[in-house]
Amino acid sequence: MNRRTILTVCGTFLIGVLAGVLLMINVDANGAIKQALNIGTNNAIGGSVSESDYWIATLEVSGISPAVSVDDLAAWVKPYVPIISSRIAVDRVTGQSKGYGYVEVPRDKMKTVISALNGAEWGGRIVTVKEASQRTDLPQLPVR
């Protein structure tokens, strides 16, 4: 084998390894990030942590107007608690809001938000705010 062939084979091997690592990171990223944020954890990869152990709580906000944006939702909750993230559920086909969204907040402030905003009127609608239930219709990735 000449030098060029060896370099080509080594380069191809390294690209394959990097692609595999990136794929593995992408698959495990969400769980790893949530586990890394868990108080007292010392390892972000591996193991399983129940949802109740996370310091982040996801709130479901339903009954919102289709005109409400992600920023509007965050701004509505922000006076009561720091916002970690917010998102609006949209129809895959039409791209229109489904009338509900999710806000991630610190778990210790969750009850404050729920008691302040559940049943409140926003944009002429009565809004329901509750802790989001974990989805059971999605396939679970194996724990490595």
Protein backbone atom coordinates (compact mmCIF):
# COMPACT_ATOMS: atom_id res chain seq x y z
CA MET A 1 0.00 0.00 0.00
CA ASN A 2 1.24 3.44 -0.80
CA ARG A 3 1.08 6.43 1.49
CA ARG A 4 -1.92 7.99 -0.27
CA THR A 5 -4.03 4.83 0.09
CA ILE A 6 -3.18 4.55 3.78
CA LEU A 7 -4.12 8.20 4.39
CA THR A 8 -7.39 7.74 2.49
CA VAL A 9 -8.31 4.63 4.50
CA CYS A 10 -7.42 6.32 7.82
CA GLY A 11 -9.35 9.46 6.88
CA THR A 12 -12.42 7.45 5.91
CA PHE A 13 -12.23 5.51 9.17
CA LEU A 14 -12.00 8.72 11.23
CA ILE A 15 -14.93 10.27 9.39
CA GLY A 16 -16.99 7.15 10.11
CA VAL A 17 -16.08 7.22 13.79
CA LEU A 18 -16.92 10.93 14.06
CA ALA A 19 -20.25 10.41 12.29
CA GLY A 20 -21.09 7.60 14.72
CA VAL A 21 -20.19 9.74 17.72
CA LEU A 22 -22.29 12.64 16.43
CA LEU A 23 -25.25 10.33 15.84
CA MET A 24 -24.89 8.90 19.35
CA ILE A 25 -24.68 12.39 20.84
CA ASN A 26 -27.79 13.49 18.94
CA VAL A 27 -29.82 10.48 20.11
CA ASP A 28 -28.77 10.84 23.76
CA ALA A 29 -28.57 14.64 23.91
CA ASN A 30 -32.00 15.37 25.35
CA GLY A 31 -31.82 12.78 28.11
CA ALA A 32 -28.19 13.56 28.84
CA ILE A 33 -28.84 17.28 29.16
CA LYS A 34 -31.80 16.74 31.47
CA GLN A 35 -29.82 14.26 33.55
CA ALA A 36 -26.85 16.64 33.71
CA LEU A 37 -29.15 19.35 35.07
CA ASN A 38 -30.40 16.98 37.76
CA ILE A 39 -29.13 18.07 41.15
CA GLY A 40 -26.50 15.72 42.54
CA THR A 41 -25.67 13.92 39.31
CA ASN A 42 -22.04 13.32 38.47
CA ASN A 43 -22.47 11.66 35.10
CA ALA A 44 -24.52 13.00 32.21
CA ILE A 45 -24.47 9.78 30.17
CA GLY A 46 -26.01 6.50 31.21
CA GLY A 47 -28.33 5.49 33.99
CA SER A 48 -31.94 6.50 34.23
CA VAL A 49 -33.51 9.18 36.37
CA SER A 50 -37.23 9.43 36.93
CA GLU A 51 -38.94 12.60 35.69
CA SER A 52 -39.84 13.57 39.26
CA ASP A 53 -36.13 13.81 40.13
CA TYR A 54 -35.42 16.62 37.69
CA TRP A 55 -35.34 20.17 38.95
CA ILE A 56 -37.20 21.24 35.79
CA ALA A 57 -40.98 20.95 35.57
CA THR A 58 -42.89 21.12 32.28
CA LEU A 59 -46.23 22.91 32.44
CA GLU A 60 -48.97 22.39 29.86
CA VAL A 61 -50.85 25.58 29.03
CA SER A 62 -54.08 24.82 27.16
CA GLY A 63 -56.92 26.91 25.84
CA ILE A 64 -54.66 29.59 24.36
CA SER A 65 -55.48 31.55 21.26
CA PRO A 66 -53.96 30.32 17.99
CA ALA A 67 -52.45 33.80 17.60
CA VAL A 68 -50.25 33.35 20.71
CA SER A 69 -46.54 33.05 19.91
CA VAL A 70 -43.79 31.31 21.87
CA ASP A 71 -42.58 34.72 23.07
CA ASP A 72 -46.11 35.69 24.16
CA LEU A 73 -46.41 32.47 26.18
CA ALA A 74 -43.05 33.03 27.87
CA ALA A 75 -43.88 36.67 28.62
CA TRP A 76 -47.22 35.64 30.18
CA VAL A 77 -45.53 33.24 32.63
CA LYS A 78 -42.33 35.22 33.25
CA PRO A 79 -43.73 37.58 35.94
CA TYR A 80 -44.26 34.55 38.20
CA VAL A 81 -41.15 32.44 37.57
CA PRO A 82 -37.95 32.31 35.51
CA ILE A 83 -38.60 30.59 32.17
CA ILE A 84 -36.25 27.81 31.03
CA SER A 85 -38.00 27.26 27.69
CA SER A 86 -41.38 27.52 26.01
CA ARG A 87 -42.96 26.03 22.90
CA ILE A 88 -46.30 25.99 21.13
CA ALA A 89 -47.79 22.79 19.70
CA VAL A 90 -48.46 23.19 15.98
CA ASP A 91 -50.23 21.06 13.42
CA ARG A 92 -47.68 19.34 11.16
CA VAL A 93 -49.74 19.83 8.02
CA THR A 94 -51.08 23.36 8.41
CA GLY A 95 -48.45 24.84 10.71
CA GLN A 96 -51.25 26.38 12.79
CA SER A 97 -51.24 26.40 16.58
CA LYS A 98 -53.17 23.58 18.25
CA GLY A 99 -54.21 25.89 21.10
CA TYR A 100 -51.79 24.64 23.71
CA GLY A 101 -48.14 24.92 24.59
CA TYR A 102 -45.50 23.99 27.13
CA VAL A 103 -43.34 26.01 29.47
CA GLU A 104 -40.38 24.63 31.41
CA VAL A 105 -39.89 26.23 34.82
CA PRO A 106 -37.93 25.40 37.99
CA ARG A 107 -39.77 22.60 39.80
CA ASP A 108 -39.80 24.48 43.10
CA LYS A 109 -41.76 27.35 41.47
CA MET A 110 -44.23 25.16 39.56
CA LYS A 111 -47.08 25.39 42.10
CA THR A 112 -46.77 29.19 42.20
CA VAL A 113 -47.35 29.40 38.45
CA ILE A 114 -50.19 26.89 38.46
CA SER A 115 -52.05 28.63 41.30
CA ALA A 116 -51.57 32.07 39.73
CA LEU A 117 -52.46 31.25 36.12
CA ASN A 118 -54.72 28.18 36.09
CA GLY A 119 -58.25 29.38 35.24
CA ALA A 120 -57.04 32.88 34.37
CA GLU A 121 -58.41 34.75 31.38
CA TRP A 122 -55.93 35.48 28.59
CA GLY A 123 -56.96 36.94 25.28
CA GLY A 124 -60.64 36.39 26.03
CA ARG A 125 -60.13 32.70 26.83
CA ILE A 126 -59.98 30.77 30.08
CA VAL A 127 -56.59 29.07 30.20
CA THR A 128 -55.74 25.81 31.97
CA VAL A 129 -52.24 25.43 33.43
CA LYS A 130 -51.14 22.08 34.84
CA GLU A 131 -48.06 19.91 35.09
CA ALA A 132 -47.60 18.15 31.76
CA SER A 133 -47.93 14.40 31.81
CA GLN A 134 -45.19 12.30 30.29
CA ARG A 135 -45.94 11.10 26.76
CA THR A 136 -46.54 7.38 26.52
CA ASP A 137 -47.15 7.16 22.77
CA LEU A 138 -43.48 7.62 21.85
CA PRO A 139 -41.09 4.68 21.60
CA GLN A 140 -38.51 4.70 24.38
CA LEU A 141 -34.84 4.68 23.42
CA PRO A 142 -32.81 1.94 25.06
CA VAL A 143 -30.65 3.00 28.00
CA ARG A 144 -27.00 2.29 27.29
